[in-house]
């Protein structure tokens, strides 16, 4: 299949000023009390949001999650990924702590955009994994720009973070832009039959630290037995029954 970008991402200018805070508002949520911090658009015109718990300016070792927008998961509850579970899990964790930050980046589909993500889904429906689907569309494994996250942390005055992630590329991406990382907080969600293969691809092809065992994944992918099959499995053959 010929590689083709359906909707190319806008290229950022070679030199652009860092994004700046423009507004802060109170944000009570089901997961705890936060502040919503808005920023100027980035070089591509995308607007990102920081959800802040407690006082983080000049703080070190701040628990922090980078969450990339996932409309299908975060809003519609798609079971194809673990994004919604990670988002709510991170907010609940941060809501129980004295301080923390969640950066909500408008980088849908690992940076390829919503339309291209749906096209990647269609390729996955025909047997390609997430990495192959991105490549067939002409994209890399991960097109996200972590400079944006680094600039947001700089504007918030965070001095170092404990990153909530299973993805080694996020650590590398922040370090490449000068953010000190004091440690990592795993945020592993249980696999389901809908997303087990997706998660295994993350682990095998992108190096995510998920601790998944391939045999267990294959068991989850196996179709559930029908009522007839379950009933048959419960029948004990006559010769196996003990005689009285």
C-alpha atoms as a PDB file:
ATOM      1  CA  UNK A   1       0.000   0.000   0.000  1.00  0.00           C
ATOM      2  CA  UNK A   2       1.355   3.417  -0.907  1.00  0.00           C
ATOM      3  CA  UNK A   3       2.156   5.688   2.040  1.00  0.00           C
ATOM      4  CA  UNK A   4      -0.029   8.802   1.962  1.00  0.00           C
ATOM      5  CA  UNK A   5      -0.646  11.571   4.455  1.00  0.00           C
ATOM      6  CA  UNK A   6      -4.357  12.272   4.444  1.00  0.00           C
ATOM      7  CA  UNK A   7      -4.167  15.550   6.354  1.00  0.00           C
ATOM      8  CA  UNK A   8      -0.611  16.857   6.830  1.00  0.00           C
ATOM      9  CA  UNK A   9       0.173  18.526  10.117  1.00  0.00           C
ATOM     10  CA  UNK A  10       1.021  22.213   9.853  1.00  0.00           C
ATOM     11  CA  UNK A  11       4.740  22.779  10.088  1.00  0.00           C
ATOM     12  CA  UNK A  12       5.908  24.928  12.994  1.00  0.00           C
ATOM     13  CA  UNK A  13       8.055  27.980  12.220  1.00  0.00           C
ATOM     14  CA  UNK A  14      11.796  27.416  12.581  1.00  0.00           C
ATOM     15  CA  UNK A  15      11.922  29.912  15.468  1.00  0.00           C
ATOM     16  CA  UNK A  16       8.892  30.685  17.596  1.00  0.00           C
ATOM     17  CA  UNK A  17       8.532  32.360  20.986  1.00  0.00           C
ATOM     18  CA  UNK A  18       7.724  30.018  23.897  1.00  0.00           C
ATOM     19  CA  UNK A  19       4.090  29.784  24.911  1.00  0.00           C
ATOM     20  CA  UNK A  20       2.992  31.872  27.908  1.00  0.00           C
ATOM     21  CA  UNK A  21       0.291  31.646  30.572  1.00  0.00           C
ATOM     22  CA  UNK A  22      -2.723  33.838  29.843  1.00  0.00           C
ATOM     23  CA  UNK A  23      -5.390  32.853  32.393  1.00  0.00           C
ATOM     24  CA  UNK A  24      -5.951  30.781  35.535  1.00  0.00           C
ATOM     25  CA  UNK A  25      -9.352  29.623  36.802  1.00  0.00           C
ATOM     26  CA  UNK A  26     -10.658  27.476  39.640  1.00  0.00           C
ATOM     27  CA  UNK A  27     -11.513  23.921  38.522  1.00  0.00           C
ATOM     28  CA  UNK A  28     -13.349  21.669  41.007  1.00  0.00           C
ATOM     29  CA  UNK A  29     -13.683  18.165  39.535  1.00  0.00           C
ATOM     30  CA  UNK A  30     -14.867  14.690  40.522  1.00  0.00           C
ATOM     31  CA  UNK A  31     -11.216  13.803  41.085  1.00  0.00           C
ATOM     32  CA  UNK A  32     -10.295  16.749  43.288  1.00  0.00           C
ATOM     33  CA  UNK A  33      -9.819  20.507  43.331  1.00  0.00           C
ATOM     34  CA  UNK A  34      -7.535  21.921  40.635  1.00  0.00           C
ATOM     35  CA  UNK A  35      -6.758  25.099  38.733  1.00  0.00           C
ATOM     36  CA  UNK A  36      -7.080  25.271  34.945  1.00  0.00           C
ATOM     37  CA  UNK A  37      -4.222  27.206  33.342  1.00  0.00           C
ATOM     38  CA  UNK A  38      -4.588  28.425  29.747  1.00  0.00           C
ATOM     39  CA  UNK A  39      -1.688  29.371  27.472  1.00  0.00           C
ATOM     40  CA  UNK A  40      -1.051  31.243  24.269  1.00  0.00           C
ATOM     41  CA  UNK A  41      -1.297  28.983  21.178  1.00  0.00           C
ATOM     42  CA  UNK A  42       1.817  27.086  20.172  1.00  0.00           C
ATOM     43  CA  UNK A  43       3.664  27.550  16.883  1.00  0.00           C
ATOM     44  CA  UNK A  44       1.042  25.448  15.042  1.00  0.00           C
ATOM     45  CA  UNK A  45      -1.875  27.361  16.543  1.00  0.00           C
ATOM     46  CA  UNK A  46      -2.907  24.607  18.987  1.00  0.00           C
ATOM     47  CA  UNK A  47      -4.101  25.551  22.485  1.00  0.00           C
ATOM     48  CA  UNK A  48      -3.006  23.401  25.419  1.00  0.00           C
ATOM     49  CA  UNK A  49      -4.152  23.227  29.046  1.00  0.00           C
ATOM     50  CA  UNK A  50      -2.448  22.634  32.388  1.00  0.00           C
ATOM     51  CA  UNK A  51      -4.491  21.198  35.246  1.00  0.00           C
ATOM     52  CA  UNK A  52      -2.664  22.148  38.441  1.00  0.00           C
ATOM     53  CA  UNK A  53      -3.010  20.886  41.999  1.00  0.00           C
ATOM     54  CA  UNK A  54      -1.532  22.944  44.850  1.00  0.00           C
ATOM     55  CA  UNK A  55       1.459  25.276  44.620  1.00  0.00           C
ATOM     56  CA  UNK A  56       3.993  24.120  42.039  1.00  0.00           C
ATOM     57  CA  UNK A  57       5.989  27.270  41.308  1.00  0.00           C
ATOM     58  CA  UNK A  58       9.639  26.738  42.283  1.00  0.00           C
ATOM     59  CA  UNK A  59       8.701  23.229  43.459  1.00  0.00           C
ATOM     60  CA  UNK A  60      10.859  20.173  42.817  1.00  0.00           C
ATOM     61  CA  UNK A  61       9.908  16.528  42.223  1.00  0.00           C
ATOM     62  CA  UNK A  62       6.398  17.558  41.150  1.00  0.00           C
ATOM     63  CA  UNK A  63       4.197  14.587  40.140  1.00  0.00           C
ATOM     64  CA  UNK A  64       3.318  15.319  36.535  1.00  0.00           C
ATOM     65  CA  UNK A  65       1.447  13.634  33.690  1.00  0.00           C
ATOM     66  CA  UNK A  66       1.626  14.541  29.990  1.00  0.00           C
ATOM     67  CA  UNK A  67      -1.688  13.482  28.481  1.00  0.00           C
ATOM     68  CA  UNK A  68      -2.174  13.810  24.731  1.00  0.00           C
ATOM     69  CA  UNK A  69      -5.708  14.559  23.596  1.00  0.00           C
ATOM     70  CA  UNK A  70      -7.736  11.500  22.587  1.00  0.00           C
ATOM     71  CA  UNK A  71     -11.241  12.523  21.569  1.00  0.00           C
ATOM     72  CA  UNK A  72     -12.369   8.960  20.915  1.00  0.00           C
ATOM     73  CA  UNK A  73     -11.162   7.735  24.299  1.00  0.00           C
ATOM     74  CA  UNK A  74     -11.344  10.768  26.601  1.00  0.00           C
ATOM     75  CA  UNK A  75     -14.773  11.965  25.400  1.00  0.00           C
ATOM     76  CA  UNK A  76     -16.486   9.043  23.639  1.00  0.00           C
ATOM     77  CA  UNK A  77     -15.184   6.269  25.883  1.00  0.00           C
ATOM     78  CA  UNK A  78     -13.565   4.203  23.124  1.00  0.00           C
ATOM     79  CA  UNK A  79     -12.306   0.814  24.320  1.00  0.00           C
ATOM     80  CA  UNK A  80      -9.628   0.614  21.615  1.00  0.00           C
ATOM     81  CA  UNK A  81      -7.073   2.386  23.829  1.00  0.00           C
ATOM     82  CA  UNK A  82      -6.316   3.035  27.500  1.00  0.00           C
ATOM     83  CA  UNK A  83      -6.301   6.847  27.204  1.00  0.00           C
ATOM     84  CA  UNK A  84      -9.484   7.590  29.157  1.00  0.00           C
ATOM     85  CA  UNK A  85      -8.459   5.228  31.970  1.00  0.00           C
ATOM     86  CA  UNK A  86      -5.019   6.841  32.174  1.00  0.00           C
ATOM     87  CA  UNK A  87      -6.510  10.350  32.188  1.00  0.00           C
ATOM     88  CA  UNK A  88      -8.945   9.632  35.009  1.00  0.00           C
ATOM     89  CA  UNK A  89      -6.399   7.541  36.898  1.00  0.00           C
ATOM     90  CA  UNK A  90      -3.878  10.372  36.748  1.00  0.00           C
ATOM     91  CA  UNK A  91      -6.414  12.976  37.888  1.00  0.00           C
ATOM     92  CA  UNK A  92      -7.520  10.799  40.796  1.00  0.00           C
ATOM     93  CA  UNK A  93      -3.906  10.278  41.835  1.00  0.00           C
ATOM     94  CA  UNK A  94      -3.088  13.982  41.584  1.00  0.00           C
ATOM     95  CA  UNK A  95      -6.311  14.889  43.388  1.00  0.00           C
ATOM     96  CA  UNK A  96      -5.139  12.885  46.403  1.00  0.00           C
ATOM     97  CA  UNK A  97      -1.752  14.639  46.533  1.00  0.00           C
ATOM     98  CA  UNK A  98      -0.800  18.092  47.877  1.00  0.00           C
ATOM     99  CA  UNK A  99       0.554  19.173  44.488  1.00  0.00           C
ATOM    100  CA  UNK A 100       0.843  17.984  40.911  1.00  0.00           C
ATOM    101  CA  UNK A 101       0.311  18.888  37.264  1.00  0.00           C
ATOM    102  CA  UNK A 102      -1.451  17.290  34.314  1.00  0.00           C
ATOM    103  CA  UNK A 103      -0.584  18.789  30.929  1.00  0.00           C
ATOM    104  CA  UNK A 104      -3.382  18.194  28.426  1.00  0.00           C
ATOM    105  CA  UNK A 105      -1.737  18.533  25.015  1.00  0.00           C
ATOM    106  CA  UNK A 106      -3.823  19.006  21.872  1.00  0.00           C
ATOM    107  CA  UNK A 107      -1.756  16.453  19.951  1.00  0.00           C
ATOM    108  CA  UNK A 108      -4.411  13.966  18.900  1.00  0.00           C
ATOM    109  CA  UNK A 109      -3.328  10.534  17.709  1.00  0.00           C
ATOM    110  CA  UNK A 110       0.287  10.934  18.910  1.00  0.00           C
ATOM    111  CA  UNK A 111       0.469  14.122  16.892  1.00  0.00           C
ATOM    112  CA  UNK A 112      -1.055  13.028  13.559  1.00  0.00           C
ATOM    113  CA  UNK A 113      -4.469  14.660  14.115  1.00  0.00           C
ATOM    114  CA  UNK A 114      -7.988  13.326  14.491  1.00  0.00           C
ATOM    115  CA  UNK A 115      -8.761  12.601  10.827  1.00  0.00           C
ATOM    116  CA  UNK A 116      -5.516  10.700  10.335  1.00  0.00           C
ATOM    117  CA  UNK A 117      -6.110   8.785  13.563  1.00  0.00           C
ATOM    118  CA  UNK A 118      -9.464   7.536  12.282  1.00  0.00           C
ATOM    119  CA  UNK A 119      -7.776   6.514   9.048  1.00  0.00           C
ATOM    120  CA  UNK A 120      -5.169   4.663  11.130  1.00  0.00           C
ATOM    121  CA  UNK A 121      -8.038   2.923  12.947  1.00  0.00           C
ATOM    122  CA  UNK A 122      -9.388   1.779   9.581  1.00  0.00           C
ATOM    123  CA  UNK A 123      -5.995   0.294   8.711  1.00  0.00           C
ATOM    124  CA  UNK A 124      -5.942  -1.472  12.089  1.00  0.00           C
ATOM    125  CA  UNK A 125      -9.363  -2.932  11.281  1.00  0.00           C
ATOM    126  CA  UNK A 126      -7.637  -4.651   8.358  1.00  0.00           C
ATOM    127  CA  UNK A 127      -4.937  -6.222  10.512  1.00  0.00           C
ATOM    128  CA  UNK A 128      -2.190  -3.595  10.830  1.00  0.00           C
ATOM    129  CA  UNK A 129      -0.908  -2.617  14.264  1.00  0.00           C
ATOM    130  CA  UNK A 130      -0.722   1.022  15.384  1.00  0.00           C
ATOM    131  CA  UNK A 131       2.894   1.505  14.308  1.00  0.00           C
ATOM    132  CA  UNK A 132       2.317  -0.022  10.862  1.00  0.00           C
ATOM    133  CA  UNK A 133      -0.805   2.105  10.374  1.00  0.00           C
ATOM    134  CA  UNK A 134       1.131   5.305  11.106  1.00  0.00           C
ATOM    135  CA  UNK A 135       3.870   4.293   8.679  1.00  0.00           C
ATOM    136  CA  UNK A 136       1.373   3.498   5.936  1.00  0.00           C
ATOM    137  CA  UNK A 137      -0.033   7.006   6.332  1.00  0.00           C
ATOM    138  CA  UNK A 138       3.456   8.486   5.992  1.00  0.00           C
ATOM    139  CA  UNK A 139       4.016   9.299   9.671  1.00  0.00           C
ATOM    140  CA  UNK A 140       6.566   8.197  12.235  1.00  0.00           C
ATOM    141  CA  UNK A 141       5.733   6.103  15.294  1.00  0.00           C
ATOM    142  CA  UNK A 142       5.192   9.235  17.401  1.00  0.00           C
ATOM    143  CA  UNK A 143       4.814  12.758  15.988  1.00  0.00           C
ATOM    144  CA  UNK A 144       4.324  14.576  19.297  1.00  0.00           C
ATOM    145  CA  UNK A 145       6.302  17.713  20.163  1.00  0.00           C
ATOM    146  CA  UNK A 146       7.499  17.661  23.772  1.00  0.00           C
ATOM    147  CA  UNK A 147       8.902  21.181  23.503  1.00  0.00           C
ATOM    148  CA  UNK A 148       5.351  22.360  24.195  1.00  0.00           C
ATOM    149  CA  UNK A 149       5.252  20.446  27.503  1.00  0.00           C
ATOM    150  CA  UNK A 150       8.662  21.835  28.493  1.00  0.00           C
ATOM    151  CA  UNK A 151       7.532  25.406  27.766  1.00  0.00           C
ATOM    152  CA  UNK A 152       4.357  24.919  29.815  1.00  0.00           C
ATOM    153  CA  UNK A 153       6.369  23.624  32.772  1.00  0.00           C
ATOM    154  CA  UNK A 154       8.721  26.586  32.427  1.00  0.00           C
ATOM    155  CA  UNK A 155       5.800  29.010  32.479  1.00  0.00           C
ATOM    156  CA  UNK A 156       4.416  27.269  35.585  1.00  0.00           C
ATOM    157  CA  UNK A 157       7.808  27.568  37.304  1.00  0.00           C
ATOM    158  CA  UNK A 158       8.195  23.821  37.929  1.00  0.00           C
ATOM    159  CA  UNK A 159      11.843  23.000  38.657  1.00  0.00           C
ATOM    160  CA  UNK A 160      11.798  19.189  38.343  1.00  0.00           C
ATOM    161  CA  UNK A 161       9.190  16.465  37.902  1.00  0.00           C
ATOM    162  CA  UNK A 162       8.345  12.871  38.694  1.00  0.00           C
ATOM    163  CA  UNK A 163       6.801  11.854  35.410  1.00  0.00           C
ATOM    164  CA  UNK A 164       3.658   9.703  35.417  1.00  0.00           C
ATOM    165  CA  UNK A 165       4.238   7.531  32.360  1.00  0.00           C
ATOM    166  CA  UNK A 166       4.988   4.105  30.926  1.00  0.00           C
ATOM    167  CA  UNK A 167       6.579   5.632  27.815  1.00  0.00           C
ATOM    168  CA  UNK A 168      10.386   6.061  27.686  1.00  0.00           C
ATOM    169  CA  UNK A 169      10.046   8.569  24.831  1.00  0.00           C
ATOM    170  CA  UNK A 170       8.290  11.027  27.117  1.00  0.00           C
ATOM    171  CA  UNK A 171      11.223  10.996  29.520  1.00  0.00           C
ATOM    172  CA  UNK A 172      13.662  11.437  26.634  1.00  0.00           C
ATOM    173  CA  UNK A 173      11.509  14.174  25.107  1.00  0.00           C
ATOM    174  CA  UNK A 174      11.383  16.262  28.285  1.00  0.00           C
ATOM    175  CA  UNK A 175      15.063  15.775  29.036  1.00  0.00           C
ATOM    176  CA  UNK A 176      15.924  16.869  25.504  1.00  0.00           C
ATOM    177  CA  UNK A 177      14.243  20.203  26.280  1.00  0.00           C
ATOM    178  CA  UNK A 178      15.963  20.719  29.608  1.00  0.00           C
ATOM    179  CA  UNK A 179      13.390  19.428  32.108  1.00  0.00           C
ATOM    180  CA  UNK A 180      15.007  17.595  35.071  1.00  0.00           C
ATOM    181  CA  UNK A 181      13.260  14.299  35.828  1.00  0.00           C
ATOM    182  CA  UNK A 182      13.621  13.102  39.412  1.00  0.00           C
ATOM    183  CA  UNK A 183      11.764   9.821  38.918  1.00  0.00           C
ATOM    184  CA  UNK A 184       8.959   7.958  37.194  1.00  0.00           C
ATOM    185  CA  UNK A 185       5.494   6.982  38.426  1.00  0.00           C
ATOM    186  CA  UNK A 186       3.989   4.015  36.507  1.00  0.00           C
ATOM    187  CA  UNK A 187       0.409   4.416  35.317  1.00  0.00           C
ATOM    188  CA  UNK A 188      -0.496   0.974  33.964  1.00  0.00           C
ATOM    189  CA  UNK A 189      -4.161   0.247  33.281  1.00  0.00           C
ATOM    190  CA  UNK A 190      -5.668  -3.277  33.064  1.00  0.00           C
ATOM    191  CA  UNK A 191      -5.868  -4.695  29.548  1.00  0.00           C
ATOM    192  CA  UNK A 192      -9.207  -5.670  28.020  1.00  0.00           C
ATOM    193  CA  UNK A 193     -10.033  -7.809  25.005  1.00  0.00           C
ATOM    194  CA  UNK A 194     -10.575  -4.594  23.022  1.00  0.00           C
ATOM    195  CA  UNK A 195      -7.186  -2.992  23.698  1.00  0.00           C
ATOM    196  CA  UNK A 196      -4.888  -5.897  24.608  1.00  0.00           C
ATOM    197  CA  UNK A 197      -3.264  -6.063  21.166  1.00  0.00           C
ATOM    198  CA  UNK A 198      -2.864  -2.271  21.114  1.00  0.00           C
ATOM    199  CA  UNK A 199      -1.102  -2.366  24.484  1.00  0.00           C
ATOM    200  CA  UNK A 200       1.106  -5.275  23.439  1.00  0.00           C
ATOM    201  CA  UNK A 201       2.173  -3.283  20.382  1.00  0.00           C
ATOM    202  CA  UNK A 202       3.079  -0.389  22.670  1.00  0.00           C
ATOM    203  CA  UNK A 203       5.236  -2.719  24.744  1.00  0.00           C
ATOM    204  CA  UNK A 204       6.901  -4.688  21.932  1.00  0.00           C
ATOM    205  CA  UNK A 205       7.377  -2.008  19.297  1.00  0.00           C
ATOM    206  CA  UNK A 206       7.551   1.250  21.273  1.00  0.00           C
ATOM    207  CA  UNK A 207       9.237  -0.015  24.438  1.00  0.00           C
ATOM    208  CA  UNK A 208       6.504   0.954  26.912  1.00  0.00           C
ATOM    209  CA  UNK A 209       6.975  -0.448  30.428  1.00  0.00           C
ATOM    210  CA  UNK A 210       3.710  -2.384  30.801  1.00  0.00           C
ATOM    211  CA  UNK A 211       4.872  -5.757  32.147  1.00  0.00           C
ATOM    212  CA  UNK A 212       2.490  -7.621  29.853  1.00  0.00           C
ATOM    213  CA  UNK A 213       2.877 -11.343  29.187  1.00  0.00           C
ATOM    214  CA  UNK A 214       2.075 -12.219  25.575  1.00  0.00           C
ATOM    215  CA  UNK A 215       0.337 -15.483  26.481  1.00  0.00           C
ATOM    216  CA  UNK A 216      -2.056 -13.637  28.779  1.00  0.00           C
ATOM    217  CA  UNK A 217      -2.767 -11.148  26.008  1.00  0.00           C
ATOM    218  CA  UNK A 218      -3.617 -13.934  23.587  1.00  0.00           C
ATOM    219  CA  UNK A 219      -5.961 -15.445  26.179  1.00  0.00           C
ATOM    220  CA  UNK A 220      -7.775 -12.113  26.419  1.00  0.00           C
ATOM    221  CA  UNK A 221      -8.099 -11.943  22.654  1.00  0.00           C
ATOM    222  CA  UNK A 222      -9.636 -15.420  22.452  1.00  0.00           C
ATOM    223  CA  UNK A 223     -13.410 -15.285  21.853  1.00  0.00           C
ATOM    224  CA  UNK A 224     -15.583 -15.913  24.895  1.00  0.00           C
ATOM    225  CA  UNK A 225     -17.251 -19.361  24.955  1.00  0.00           C
ATOM    226  CA  UNK A 226     -20.885 -19.498  23.931  1.00  0.00           C
ATOM    227  CA  UNK A 227     -23.532 -20.603  26.478  1.00  0.00           C
ATOM    228  CA  UNK A 228     -23.618 -24.006  24.738  1.00  0.00           C
ATOM    229  CA  UNK A 229     -19.826 -24.359  24.967  1.00  0.00           C
ATOM    230  CA  UNK A 230     -19.882 -23.411  28.658  1.00  0.00           C
ATOM    231  CA  UNK A 231     -22.640 -25.947  29.366  1.00  0.00           C
ATOM    232  CA  UNK A 232     -20.770 -28.651  27.464  1.00  0.00           C
ATOM    233  CA  UNK A 233     -17.575 -27.965  29.417  1.00  0.00           C
ATOM    234  CA  UNK A 234     -19.471 -28.556  32.676  1.00  0.00           C
ATOM    235  CA  UNK A 235     -20.733 -32.014  31.668  1.00  0.00           C
ATOM    236  CA  UNK A 236     -18.698 -34.775  33.340  1.00  0.00           C
ATOM    237  CA  UNK A 237     -18.372 -37.929  31.182  1.00  0.00           C
ATOM    238  CA  UNK A 238     -20.030 -40.984  32.714  1.00  0.00           C
ATOM    239  CA  UNK A 239     -16.779 -42.977  32.854  1.00  0.00           C
ATOM    240  CA  UNK A 240     -15.109 -40.151  34.813  1.00  0.00           C
ATOM    241  CA  UNK A 241     -17.739 -40.199  37.523  1.00  0.00           C
ATOM    242  CA  UNK A 242     -17.016 -42.199  40.613  1.00  0.00           C
ATOM    243  CA  UNK A 243     -19.206 -45.286  41.199  1.00  0.00           C
ATOM    244  CA  UNK A 244     -21.097 -45.549  44.468  1.00  0.00           C
END
